[in-house]
Amino acid sequence: MGISPAESGSPEKEQQAAGVGILLQIMMLVLSFVLGHVLRRHKFYYLPEASASLLIGLIVGGLANISNTETSIRAWFNFHEEFFFLFLLPPIIFQSGFSLSAKPFFSNFGAIVTFAILGTFIASVVTGVLVYIGGRMYLMYGLPFVECLMFGALISATDPVTVLSIFQELGTDTNLYALVFGESVLNDAMAISLYRTMSIVRKHASSAQNFFMVIFRFLETFVGSMSAGVGVGFVSALLFKYAGLDVDNLQNLECCLFVLFPYFSYMLAEGLGLSGIVSILFTAIVMKHYSYSNLSENSQQFVSDFFHLISSLAETFTFIYMGFDIAMEKHSWSHLGFIFFSIIFIVVARAANVFSCAYLVNLVRPVHRQIPLKHQKALWYRLRGAMAFALALQSVHDLPEGRGQIIFTATTAIVVLSVLLIGGSTGTMLEALHVVGDGHDSHLGESFDVNNGYVAPSFKEDGTSGNGIKMKLKEFHKRTSSFTALDRNYLTPFFTSQNEDDEGGEALLDERISSSKRGGFLGQ
């Protein structure tokens, strides 16, 4: 979308325009990092770093628009969804999976999957149905039903950058952090899969078997992408175990290969028509658990710092990039009713997502492990960000002119309002719910606070955990215990060369991430 950088003119002019455009981008990045540091240092949570980056992009884009900047320079700031999906998103998603603290994440894995998969599906359908009904009642611009579901899918993608960064600054419950973090990452993958599935359904709208095609296509995409990611992760683990690269003169090669594997996983899935996000996420989880311990100590330090670095750059640049493009693009503001009612419907759909899924999770959990209401409210209070914006920008190409533009304008307004308002009030909300102060960076630890949250299950015990545990929970415990035993007794010895040091290696990685991490994306 927008003007291509290759404008007519002399090569010298084009090179000068490219230099000016890149210089402005670097200046905005520097300003954003410095401003973010100042805000964190003074504990000013009303303007999170993501919101500050978005504001910088909006202000500079607005000034460029007013000053009538040359189109050859402005072209370097156009938000291209291909650039976002292929270059900015992979390092963010990989770092999200790579920095997962395994014990809290897998202790709450059932709840995370419920919120991310079932919950996102509920939110997408509820939003789409409400938008369709609103159009039929002439409350807002009417869209065809499948396009309403496409809008519901893209707007259900939540952004965790701001929320998780504030969680880290204030300190919050281990399990709450794990839920928000895990749900955010899988939520993005689910939203993209749903959007692409509905886009395919729209092209075959005459088929009477649409519903079954949706289910089959989604399962095919998700399971296929997960399998590709896990497979690439296991191949990398075997390579680093048996190739003998952990010697001094081959550490550069070792690091280069480790950095290339995530992109290989992402591009493999995209090339097969699957989801690169799902693939690279599971590659990150497998590589952290198995491949990482096969690296030399210096390489471990390098790759953990490297992925944190490029993830931070990508996150900050995404919000600047998005803000600048929002200020420069032409928007269709003639359907304000669509924006207003969409916001209401999104709030309702998110509530249906969180509270219904929490109810289902609590049905199979004992009393001492149930998700408290204050944690459910914290899960509900989420903003929309770059993922929703990029999918909305893609919808302009996917949908007939006019309808795609309306969705794009509505999504733009929702993203700006949520990042600035919800992002700025997240700290206040967490304090009001009394879910902060449970220990700084406690999300990376192994202790679970019984008084301020719900404790994680212990998978090392074979007996029952209490009288209140129902049969489903017992079965889940057994399966998880079986997988834990399988991992400890067979997978870890087969894929790693440092079996006894695995937990220490993971603890070391978590400590490094804890000391340097600014906050994850998406889940986000």
Protein backbone atom coordinates (compact mmCIF):
# COMPACT_ATOMS: atom_id res chain seq x y z
CA MET A 1 0.00 0.00 0.00
CA GLY A 2 1.31 3.47 -0.81
CA ILE A 3 3.96 4.68 -3.18
CA SER A 4 6.90 2.56 -4.15
CA PRO A 5 10.31 3.95 -3.28
CA ALA A 6 11.30 3.59 -6.91
CA GLU A 7 10.00 6.98 -8.10
CA SER A 8 10.87 8.47 -11.43
CA GLY A 9 13.94 10.69 -11.24
CA SER A 10 17.69 10.58 -11.31
CA PRO A 11 19.48 7.84 -9.40
CA GLU A 12 21.21 10.52 -7.31
CA LYS A 13 17.84 11.92 -6.23
CA GLU A 14 16.55 8.46 -5.32
CA GLN A 15 19.69 7.69 -3.32
CA GLN A 16 19.43 11.00 -1.48
CA ALA A 17 15.74 10.39 -0.69
CA ALA A 18 16.60 6.91 0.60
CA GLY A 19 19.31 8.35 2.83
CA VAL A 20 16.99 11.00 4.27
CA GLY A 21 14.21 8.46 4.84
CA ILE A 22 16.48 5.98 6.63
CA LEU A 23 18.07 8.80 8.66
CA LEU A 24 14.63 9.88 9.90
CA GLN A 25 13.79 6.31 10.85
CA ILE A 26 17.03 5.95 12.85
CA MET A 27 16.41 9.30 14.58
CA MET A 28 12.90 8.21 15.59
CA LEU A 29 14.25 4.89 16.91
CA VAL A 30 16.89 6.67 18.99
CA LEU A 31 14.30 9.14 20.31
CA SER A 32 11.92 6.31 21.15
CA PHE A 33 14.54 4.29 23.07
CA VAL A 34 15.75 7.35 24.99
CA LEU A 35 12.21 8.46 25.81
CA GLY A 36 11.27 4.92 26.86
CA HIS A 37 14.30 4.80 29.18
CA VAL A 38 13.38 8.14 30.77
CA LEU A 39 9.76 7.04 31.26
CA ARG A 40 10.81 3.76 32.88
CA ARG A 41 13.39 5.47 35.06
CA HIS A 42 10.79 7.86 36.44
CA LYS A 43 8.17 5.06 36.65
CA PHE A 44 5.74 7.03 34.50
CA TYR A 45 3.31 4.30 33.46
CA TYR A 46 0.72 6.58 31.90
CA LEU A 47 2.76 6.68 28.68
CA PRO A 48 4.22 3.21 28.02
CA GLU A 49 7.06 2.80 25.57
CA ALA A 50 4.81 1.37 22.85
CA SER A 51 2.45 4.34 23.19
CA ALA A 52 5.40 6.75 23.07
CA SER A 53 6.73 5.10 19.89
CA LEU A 54 3.30 5.30 18.26
CA LEU A 55 2.99 8.97 19.22
CA ILE A 56 6.42 9.75 17.77
CA GLY A 57 5.40 8.14 14.48
CA LEU A 58 2.06 10.00 14.46
CA ILE A 59 3.69 13.38 15.16
CA VAL A 60 6.49 13.00 12.60
CA GLY A 61 4.01 11.63 10.03
CA GLY A 62 1.65 14.54 10.66
CA LEU A 63 4.48 17.06 10.25
CA ALA A 64 5.62 15.35 7.04
CA ASN A 65 2.05 15.52 5.74
CA ILE A 66 1.67 19.22 6.54
CA SER A 67 5.11 20.16 5.22
CA ASN A 68 4.41 18.50 1.88
CA THR A 69 7.50 16.28 2.08
CA GLU A 70 8.70 14.79 -1.18
CA THR A 71 6.89 11.62 -2.12
CA SER A 72 10.21 9.85 -2.69
CA ILE A 73 11.06 10.35 0.99
CA ARG A 74 7.56 9.60 2.27
CA ALA A 75 7.58 6.32 0.34
CA TRP A 76 10.17 4.91 2.76
CA PHE A 77 7.66 5.16 5.61
CA ASN A 78 4.70 3.40 4.01
CA PHE A 79 3.62 0.41 6.11
CA HIS A 80 3.89 -2.65 3.88
CA GLU A 81 2.25 -5.71 5.40
CA GLU A 82 4.67 -7.98 3.52
CA PHE A 83 7.63 -6.24 5.19
CA PHE A 84 5.93 -6.56 8.58
CA PHE A 85 5.09 -10.26 8.22
CA LEU A 86 8.41 -11.28 6.66
CA PHE A 87 10.98 -9.16 8.53
CA LEU A 88 9.56 -7.49 11.65
CA LEU A 89 7.25 -10.19 12.99
CA PRO A 90 9.52 -13.31 12.94
CA PRO A 91 12.13 -12.04 15.46
CA ILE A 92 9.36 -10.76 17.76
CA ILE A 93 7.50 -14.08 17.78
CA PHE A 94 10.69 -16.12 18.10
CA GLN A 95 11.85 -14.08 21.09
CA SER A 96 8.42 -14.52 22.66
CA GLY A 97 8.70 -18.31 22.46
CA PHE A 98 12.42 -18.36 23.27
CA SER A 99 11.98 -16.29 26.45
CA LEU A 100 9.09 -18.38 27.81
CA SER A 101 9.75 -19.57 31.32
CA ALA A 102 8.92 -23.21 30.81
CA LYS A 103 7.54 -24.22 34.22
CA PRO A 104 4.84 -21.52 34.66
CA PHE A 105 3.95 -21.75 30.96
CA PHE A 106 3.48 -25.51 30.81
CA SER A 107 1.90 -25.60 34.26
CA ASN A 108 -0.84 -23.38 32.83
CA PHE A 109 -0.70 -24.79 29.30
CA GLY A 110 -4.27 -26.11 29.31
CA ALA A 111 -5.65 -22.70 30.34
CA ILE A 112 -3.42 -20.88 27.86
CA VAL A 113 -4.57 -23.07 24.96
CA THR A 114 -8.20 -22.64 26.04
CA PHE A 115 -7.95 -18.84 26.07
CA ALA A 116 -5.82 -18.61 22.91
CA ILE A 117 -7.65 -21.08 20.66
CA LEU A 118 -11.20 -21.46 21.93
CA GLY A 119 -11.28 -17.94 23.34
CA THR A 120 -10.01 -16.26 20.16
CA PHE A 121 -12.51 -18.28 18.14
CA ILE A 122 -15.34 -17.13 20.45
CA ALA A 123 -14.20 -13.50 20.29
CA SER A 124 -13.93 -13.59 16.48
CA VAL A 125 -17.36 -15.15 15.98
CA VAL A 126 -19.09 -12.92 18.56
CA THR A 127 -17.55 -9.79 17.04
CA GLY A 128 -18.44 -10.88 13.50
CA VAL A 129 -22.03 -11.79 14.41
CA LEU A 130 -22.59 -8.53 16.32
CA VAL A 131 -21.16 -6.45 13.46
CA TYR A 132 -23.40 -8.31 11.01
CA ILE A 133 -26.49 -7.79 13.20
CA GLY A 134 -25.55 -4.13 13.66
CA GLY A 135 -25.40 -3.72 9.90
CA ARG A 136 -28.78 -5.42 9.41
CA MET A 137 -30.29 -3.09 12.05
CA TYR A 138 -28.79 -0.05 10.26
CA LEU A 139 -26.72 0.89 13.31
CA MET A 140 -23.57 0.80 11.23
CA TYR A 141 -22.31 0.11 7.74
CA GLY A 142 -23.43 -3.37 6.67
CA LEU A 143 -20.90 -5.95 5.56
CA PRO A 144 -21.48 -9.46 4.17
CA PHE A 145 -21.39 -12.12 6.90
CA VAL A 146 -18.06 -13.69 5.90
CA GLU A 147 -16.41 -10.25 5.77
CA CYS A 148 -17.80 -9.54 9.24
CA LEU A 149 -16.09 -12.72 10.43
CA MET A 150 -12.85 -11.61 8.75
CA PHE A 151 -13.07 -8.32 10.65
CA GLY A 152 -13.82 -10.24 13.85
CA ALA A 153 -10.74 -12.42 13.32
CA LEU A 154 -8.30 -9.59 12.66
CA ILE A 155 -9.56 -7.35 15.47
CA SER A 156 -9.31 -10.24 17.96
CA ALA A 157 -5.51 -10.16 17.71
CA THR A 158 -4.38 -8.58 20.99
CA ASP A 159 -1.05 -6.84 21.58
CA PRO A 160 0.88 -7.72 24.75
CA VAL A 161 3.85 -5.33 24.46
CA THR A 162 2.51 -2.59 26.72
CA VAL A 163 0.77 -4.87 29.21
CA LEU A 164 3.73 -7.21 29.70
CA SER A 165 6.26 -4.38 30.02
CA ILE A 166 4.16 -2.85 32.82
CA PHE A 167 3.74 -6.32 34.40
CA GLN A 168 7.54 -6.54 34.55
CA GLU A 169 8.00 -3.05 35.95
CA LEU A 170 5.39 -3.44 38.70
CA GLY A 171 5.86 -7.15 39.41
CA THR A 172 2.82 -9.40 39.24
CA ASP A 173 1.62 -12.93 39.88
CA THR A 174 3.61 -15.68 38.16
CA ASN A 175 0.60 -17.49 36.77
CA LEU A 176 -1.12 -14.31 35.58
CA TYR A 177 1.99 -13.31 33.66
CA ALA A 178 2.24 -16.80 32.14
CA LEU A 179 -1.43 -16.68 31.08
CA VAL A 180 -1.16 -13.22 29.51
CA PHE A 181 2.15 -14.01 27.82
CA GLY A 182 1.18 -17.42 26.48
CA GLU A 183 -2.31 -16.38 25.40
CA SER A 184 -0.94 -13.33 23.58
CA VAL A 185 1.58 -15.29 21.52
CA LEU A 186 -0.84 -18.07 20.53
CA ASN A 187 -3.63 -15.53 20.05
CA ASP A 188 -1.74 -13.83 17.21
CA ALA A 189 -1.19 -17.16 15.47
CA MET A 190 -4.84 -18.10 15.93
CA ALA A 191 -6.09 -14.73 14.63
CA ILE A 192 -3.98 -14.96 11.48
CA SER A 193 -5.08 -18.54 10.84
CA LEU A 194 -8.75 -17.59 11.27
CA TYR A 195 -8.40 -14.53 9.04
CA ARG A 196 -6.73 -16.47 6.24
CA THR A 197 -9.25 -19.29 6.57
CA MET A 198 -12.20 -16.88 6.32
CA SER A 199 -10.53 -15.19 3.35
CA ILE A 200 -10.45 -18.57 1.58
CA VAL A 201 -14.08 -19.21 2.53
CA ARG A 202 -15.06 -15.86 1.04
CA LYS A 203 -13.55 -16.84 -2.30
CA HIS A 204 -15.62 -20.06 -2.28
CA ALA A 205 -18.79 -18.59 -0.79
CA SER A 206 -21.08 -20.67 -3.03
CA SER A 207 -20.01 -23.96 -1.39
CA ALA A 208 -22.55 -25.58 0.92
CA GLN A 209 -19.80 -27.18 2.99
CA ASN A 210 -18.20 -23.93 4.15
CA PHE A 211 -18.40 -24.72 7.84
CA PHE A 212 -16.59 -28.04 7.49
CA MET A 213 -14.04 -26.45 5.20
CA VAL A 214 -13.33 -23.77 7.81
CA ILE A 215 -12.73 -26.38 10.52
CA PHE A 216 -10.62 -28.61 8.27
CA ARG A 217 -8.59 -25.73 6.83
CA PHE A 218 -7.87 -24.28 10.25
CA LEU A 219 -6.81 -27.63 11.71
CA GLU A 220 -4.69 -28.33 8.64
CA THR A 221 -2.97 -24.94 8.96
CA PHE A 222 -2.45 -25.02 12.72
CA VAL A 223 -1.38 -28.65 13.10
CA GLY A 224 0.74 -28.54 9.95
CA SER A 225 2.50 -25.35 11.06
CA MET A 226 3.09 -26.70 14.56
CA SER A 227 4.53 -29.93 13.12
CA ALA A 228 6.84 -28.00 10.80
CA GLY A 229 8.08 -25.83 13.66
CA VAL A 230 8.67 -28.74 16.03
CA GLY A 231 10.39 -30.71 13.27
CA VAL A 232 12.79 -27.88 12.44
CA GLY A 233 13.52 -27.44 16.14
CA PHE A 234 14.36 -31.11 16.59
CA VAL A 235 16.59 -31.10 13.48
CA SER A 236 18.49 -28.10 14.87
CA ALA A 237 18.94 -29.86 18.22
CA LEU A 238 20.44 -32.96 16.54
CA LEU A 239 22.69 -30.81 14.36
CA PHE A 240 24.15 -28.88 17.29
CA LYS A 241 24.50 -32.10 19.31
CA TYR A 242 26.42 -34.14 16.74
CA ALA A 243 28.11 -31.57 14.44
CA GLY A 244 30.77 -30.68 17.02
CA LEU A 245 30.42 -26.91 16.53
CA ASP A 246 30.92 -25.98 20.20
CA VAL A 247 34.66 -25.41 19.84
CA ASP A 248 36.37 -22.03 19.88
CA ASN A 249 37.15 -21.70 16.18
CA LEU A 250 33.62 -22.70 15.09
CA GLN A 251 31.51 -20.57 17.43
CA ASN A 252 30.74 -18.02 14.72
CA LEU A 253 29.37 -20.79 12.51
CA GLU A 254 27.42 -22.17 15.48
CA CYS A 255 25.77 -18.79 16.13
CA CYS A 256 25.03 -18.18 12.45
CA LEU A 257 23.27 -21.53 12.10
CA PHE A 258 21.26 -20.98 15.28
CA VAL A 259 20.06 -17.59 13.98
CA LEU A 260 19.13 -19.02 10.56
CA PHE A 261 17.00 -21.93 11.80
CA PRO A 262 14.07 -19.76 13.00
CA TYR A 263 13.85 -17.98 9.64
CA PHE A 264 14.09 -21.33 7.88
CA SER A 265 11.12 -22.57 9.92
CA TYR A 266 9.09 -19.42 9.21
CA MET A 267 9.75 -19.40 5.47
CA LEU A 268 9.20 -23.16 5.18
CA ALA A 269 5.72 -22.82 6.65
CA GLU A 270 4.88 -19.79 4.51
CA GLY A 271 6.14 -21.57 1.41
CA LEU A 272 3.88 -24.54 2.17
CA GLY A 273 0.85 -22.26 2.58
CA LEU A 274 0.86 -22.70 6.38
CA SER A 275 1.29 -20.20 9.22
CA GLY A 276 4.84 -18.99 9.71
CA ILE A 277 3.95 -17.50 13.09
CA VAL A 278 2.78 -20.84 14.54
CA SER A 279 5.80 -22.59 13.06
CA ILE A 280 8.44 -20.18 14.37
CA LEU A 281 6.77 -20.06 17.79
CA PHE A 282 7.06 -23.83 18.29
CA THR A 283 10.55 -23.78 16.79
CA ALA A 284 11.50 -21.24 19.45
CA ILE A 285 10.06 -23.39 22.26
CA VAL A 286 11.83 -26.54 21.03
CA MET A 287 15.14 -24.77 20.33
CA LYS A 288 15.17 -23.20 23.77
CA HIS A 289 14.44 -26.51 25.48
CA TYR A 290 16.75 -28.74 23.42
CA SER A 291 19.05 -26.89 20.99
CA TYR A 292 20.14 -24.14 23.39
CA SER A 293 21.86 -26.51 25.83
CA ASN A 294 23.92 -27.97 22.96
CA LEU A 295 25.60 -24.62 22.33
CA SER A 296 28.85 -23.47 23.89
CA GLU A 297 28.53 -21.03 26.79
CA ASN A 298 29.69 -18.05 24.70
CA SER A 299 27.24 -18.91 21.94
CA GLN A 300 24.42 -19.21 24.47
CA GLN A 301 25.17 -15.70 25.72
CA PHE A 302 25.36 -14.34 22.16
CA VAL A 303 22.12 -15.82 20.81
CA SER A 304 20.07 -14.82 23.88
CA ASP A 305 21.36 -11.23 23.61
CA PHE A 306 21.03 -11.17 19.83
CA PHE A 307 17.38 -12.24 19.71
CA HIS A 308 16.50 -9.82 22.50
CA LEU A 309 18.22 -7.02 20.58
CA ILE A 310 16.53 -7.56 17.22
CA SER A 311 13.18 -8.20 18.92
CA SER A 312 13.41 -4.86 20.77
CA LEU A 313 14.36 -3.05 17.57
CA ALA A 314 11.52 -4.72 15.63
CA GLU A 315 8.91 -3.96 18.30
CA THR A 316 9.85 -0.30 18.60
CA PHE A 317 10.18 0.18 14.86
CA THR A 318 6.80 -1.45 14.27
CA PHE A 319 4.97 1.08 16.43
CA ILE A 320 6.87 4.02 14.90
CA TYR A 321 6.28 2.62 11.42
CA MET A 322 2.59 2.14 12.19
CA GLY A 323 2.16 5.63 13.65
CA PHE A 324 3.82 7.31 10.67
CA ASP A 325 1.71 5.35 8.18
CA ILE A 326 -1.52 6.13 10.07
CA ALA A 327 -0.75 9.85 9.82
CA MET A 328 0.11 9.62 6.12
CA GLU A 329 -2.66 7.34 4.84
CA LYS A 330 -6.01 8.50 3.56
CA HIS A 331 -8.82 7.21 5.75
CA SER A 332 -12.55 6.92 5.25
CA TRP A 333 -14.10 8.74 8.23
CA SER A 334 -17.61 8.82 6.78
CA HIS A 335 -18.71 5.77 8.79
CA LEU A 336 -18.08 6.82 12.39
CA GLY A 337 -20.97 4.61 13.50
CA PHE A 338 -19.01 1.57 12.33
CA ILE A 339 -16.07 2.59 14.53
CA PHE A 340 -18.23 3.41 17.58
CA PHE A 341 -20.26 0.20 17.58
CA SER A 342 -17.22 -1.90 16.66
CA ILE A 343 -15.51 -0.74 19.86
CA ILE A 344 -18.57 -1.73 21.91
CA PHE A 345 -18.82 -5.11 20.18
CA ILE A 346 -15.10 -5.81 20.70
CA VAL A 347 -15.42 -5.12 24.43
CA VAL A 348 -18.40 -7.50 24.64
CA ALA A 349 -16.62 -10.18 22.58
CA ARG A 350 -13.47 -9.99 24.70
CA ALA A 351 -15.61 -10.41 27.82
CA ALA A 352 -17.33 -13.44 26.27
CA ASN A 353 -13.90 -14.84 25.46
CA VAL A 354 -12.26 -14.39 28.87
CA PHE A 355 -15.09 -15.08 31.29
CA SER A 356 -16.51 -18.09 29.42
CA CYS A 357 -13.08 -19.70 29.03
CA ALA A 358 -12.19 -18.97 32.65
CA TYR A 359 -15.44 -20.64 33.70
CA LEU A 360 -14.55 -23.75 31.68
CA VAL A 361 -11.01 -23.84 33.05
CA ASN A 362 -12.26 -23.44 36.64
CA LEU A 363 -14.68 -26.35 36.15
CA VAL A 364 -11.80 -28.81 35.98
CA ARG A 365 -9.52 -27.12 38.50
CA PRO A 366 -9.54 -27.57 42.28
CA VAL A 367 -10.59 -24.59 44.37
CA HIS A 368 -7.04 -23.54 45.26
CA ARG A 369 -6.05 -23.40 41.57
CA GLN A 370 -9.03 -21.58 40.09
CA ILE A 371 -8.42 -18.37 38.18
CA PRO A 372 -9.62 -15.53 40.46
CA LEU A 373 -11.96 -12.86 39.16
CA LYS A 374 -9.33 -10.13 39.43
CA HIS A 375 -7.04 -12.09 37.11
CA GLN A 376 -9.91 -12.58 34.66
CA LYS A 377 -10.46 -8.81 34.60
CA ALA A 378 -6.75 -8.26 33.95
CA LEU A 379 -6.94 -10.72 31.05
CA TRP A 380 -9.98 -8.91 29.67
CA TYR A 381 -8.27 -5.49 29.73
CA ARG A 382 -6.26 -5.79 26.51
CA LEU A 383 -5.32 -3.52 23.64
CA ARG A 384 -5.01 -4.02 19.88
CA GLY A 385 -1.75 -3.36 18.06
CA ALA A 386 0.41 -4.04 15.05
CA MET A 387 -1.02 -7.47 14.20
CA ALA A 388 -4.57 -6.15 13.86
CA PHE A 389 -3.28 -3.16 11.89
CA ALA A 390 -1.28 -5.32 9.46
CA LEU A 391 -4.22 -7.69 8.84
CA ALA A 392 -6.54 -4.71 8.32
CA LEU A 393 -4.10 -3.28 5.80
CA GLN A 394 -4.12 -6.65 4.04
CA SER A 395 -7.94 -6.58 4.00
CA VAL A 396 -7.80 -3.50 1.78
CA HIS A 397 -6.32 -5.76 -0.90
CA ASP A 398 -8.48 -8.78 -0.05
CA LEU A 399 -11.86 -7.01 -0.04
CA PRO A 400 -13.54 -4.82 -2.68
CA GLU A 401 -12.56 -1.15 -2.51
CA GLY A 402 -14.67 0.63 0.02
CA ARG A 403 -15.39 -2.24 2.42
CA GLY A 404 -11.71 -3.01 3.01
CA GLN A 405 -11.04 0.72 3.49
CA ILE A 406 -13.82 0.96 6.10
CA ILE A 407 -12.35 -1.98 8.03
CA PHE A 408 -8.88 -0.45 7.79
CA THR A 409 -10.06 2.94 9.09
CA ALA A 410 -12.01 1.37 11.95
CA THR A 411 -9.03 -0.82 12.93
CA THR A 412 -6.70 2.19 12.79
CA ALA A 413 -8.95 4.16 15.16
CA ILE A 414 -9.28 1.18 17.52
CA VAL A 415 -5.52 0.57 17.58
CA VAL A 416 -4.66 4.22 18.32
CA LEU A 417 -7.31 4.57 21.02
CA SER A 418 -6.47 1.27 22.70
CA VAL A 419 -2.69 1.80 22.66
CA LEU A 420 -2.97 5.32 24.08
CA LEU A 421 -5.92 4.90 26.47
CA ILE A 422 -5.74 1.25 27.56
CA GLY A 423 -1.95 1.22 27.43
CA GLY A 424 -1.76 4.38 29.55
CA SER A 425 -4.24 3.12 32.13
CA THR A 426 -2.95 -0.45 32.46
CA GLY A 427 -0.78 0.33 35.48
CA THR A 428 -3.69 1.99 37.26
CA MET A 429 -5.94 -0.96 36.42
CA LEU A 430 -3.45 -3.50 37.79
CA GLU A 431 -3.07 -1.53 41.00
CA ALA A 432 -6.85 -1.19 41.36
CA LEU A 433 -7.24 -4.96 40.99
CA HIS A 434 -4.44 -5.55 43.53
CA VAL A 435 -2.53 -7.90 41.25
CA VAL A 436 0.81 -6.04 41.40
CA GLY A 437 3.59 -6.17 43.93
CA ASP A 438 3.69 -9.97 44.10
CA GLY A 439 7.41 -9.86 43.50
CA HIS A 440 9.39 -8.15 40.77
CA ASP A 441 10.18 -10.43 37.86
CA SER A 442 8.41 -13.23 39.66
CA HIS A 443 7.15 -14.52 36.35
CA LEU A 444 10.55 -15.95 35.63
CA GLY A 445 10.88 -17.72 38.91
CA GLU A 446 9.77 -21.14 39.99
CA SER A 447 7.77 -20.19 43.11
CA PHE A 448 4.00 -19.82 42.98
CA ASP A 449 2.17 -17.44 45.28
CA VAL A 450 -0.73 -19.17 47.03
CA ASN A 451 -2.15 -16.05 48.65
CA ASN A 452 -2.15 -13.78 45.61
CA GLY A 453 -3.02 -16.23 42.88
CA TYR A 454 -3.48 -19.88 42.07
CA VAL A 455 -0.65 -22.31 42.51
CA ALA A 456 0.68 -24.41 39.68
CA PRO A 457 0.11 -28.15 39.66
CA SER A 458 2.88 -30.47 40.69
CA PHE A 459 3.49 -33.05 38.00
CA LYS A 460 6.08 -34.94 40.03
CA GLU A 461 3.51 -36.56 42.29
CA ASP A 462 1.63 -39.64 41.15
CA GLY A 463 -1.15 -39.43 43.76
CA THR A 464 -4.27 -37.30 43.69
CA SER A 465 -3.92 -33.62 44.59
CA GLY A 466 -6.99 -33.35 46.82
CA ASN A 467 -10.63 -34.15 47.20
CA GLY A 468 -11.79 -31.36 44.87
CA ILE A 469 -9.98 -32.60 41.76
CA LYS A 470 -12.34 -33.98 39.16
CA MET A 471 -11.74 -36.85 36.77
CA LYS A 472 -10.79 -34.61 33.83
CA LEU A 473 -8.13 -32.88 35.87
CA LYS A 474 -6.74 -36.24 37.01
CA GLU A 475 -6.51 -37.42 33.42
CA PHE A 476 -4.84 -34.16 32.40
CA HIS A 477 -2.34 -34.55 35.24
CA LYS A 478 -1.56 -38.10 34.16
CA ARG A 479 -1.01 -37.11 30.55
CA THR A 480 1.16 -34.17 31.52
CA SER A 481 3.11 -36.32 33.96
CA SER A 482 3.55 -38.92 31.21
CA PHE A 483 4.86 -36.29 28.81
CA THR A 484 7.16 -34.86 31.47
CA ALA A 485 8.54 -38.32 32.14
CA LEU A 486 8.88 -38.98 28.38
CA ASP A 487 10.74 -35.70 27.98
CA ARG A 488 13.05 -36.34 30.93
CA ASN A 489 13.78 -40.00 30.19
CA TYR A 490 13.87 -40.10 26.38
CA LEU A 491 13.59 -36.78 24.51
CA THR A 492 16.08 -34.75 26.53
CA PRO A 493 18.81 -37.44 26.50
CA PHE A 494 18.26 -38.03 22.77
CA PHE A 495 18.27 -34.39 21.64
CA THR A 496 20.73 -32.83 24.09
CA SER A 497 24.27 -33.51 25.18
CA GLN A 498 23.95 -31.88 28.62
CA ASN A 499 21.10 -33.83 30.20
CA GLU A 500 21.94 -33.04 33.80
CA ASP A 501 22.47 -29.35 33.18
CA ASP A 502 19.28 -28.64 31.25
CA GLU A 503 17.38 -27.09 34.14
CA GLY A 504 20.41 -25.03 35.10
CA GLY A 505 20.77 -23.87 31.49
CA GLU A 506 17.14 -22.81 31.34
CA ALA A 507 17.48 -21.00 34.67
CA LEU A 508 20.56 -19.19 33.36
CA LEU A 509 18.71 -18.15 30.19
CA ASP A 510 15.74 -16.94 32.22
CA GLU A 511 18.08 -14.91 34.43
CA ARG A 512 19.68 -13.29 31.38
CA ILE A 513 16.30 -12.50 29.86
CA SER A 514 15.03 -11.13 33.17
CA SER A 515 17.91 -8.68 33.44
CA SER A 516 17.58 -7.31 29.91
CA LYS A 517 14.06 -7.90 28.67
CA ARG A 518 11.94 -4.82 27.92
CA GLY A 519 8.72 -6.71 27.20
CA GLY A 520 7.40 -9.18 24.67
CA PHE A 521 5.19 -8.52 21.56
CA LEU A 522 2.43 -10.57 20.79
CA GLY A 523 1.83 -12.47 22.59
CA GLN A 524 1.16 -9.46 23.31
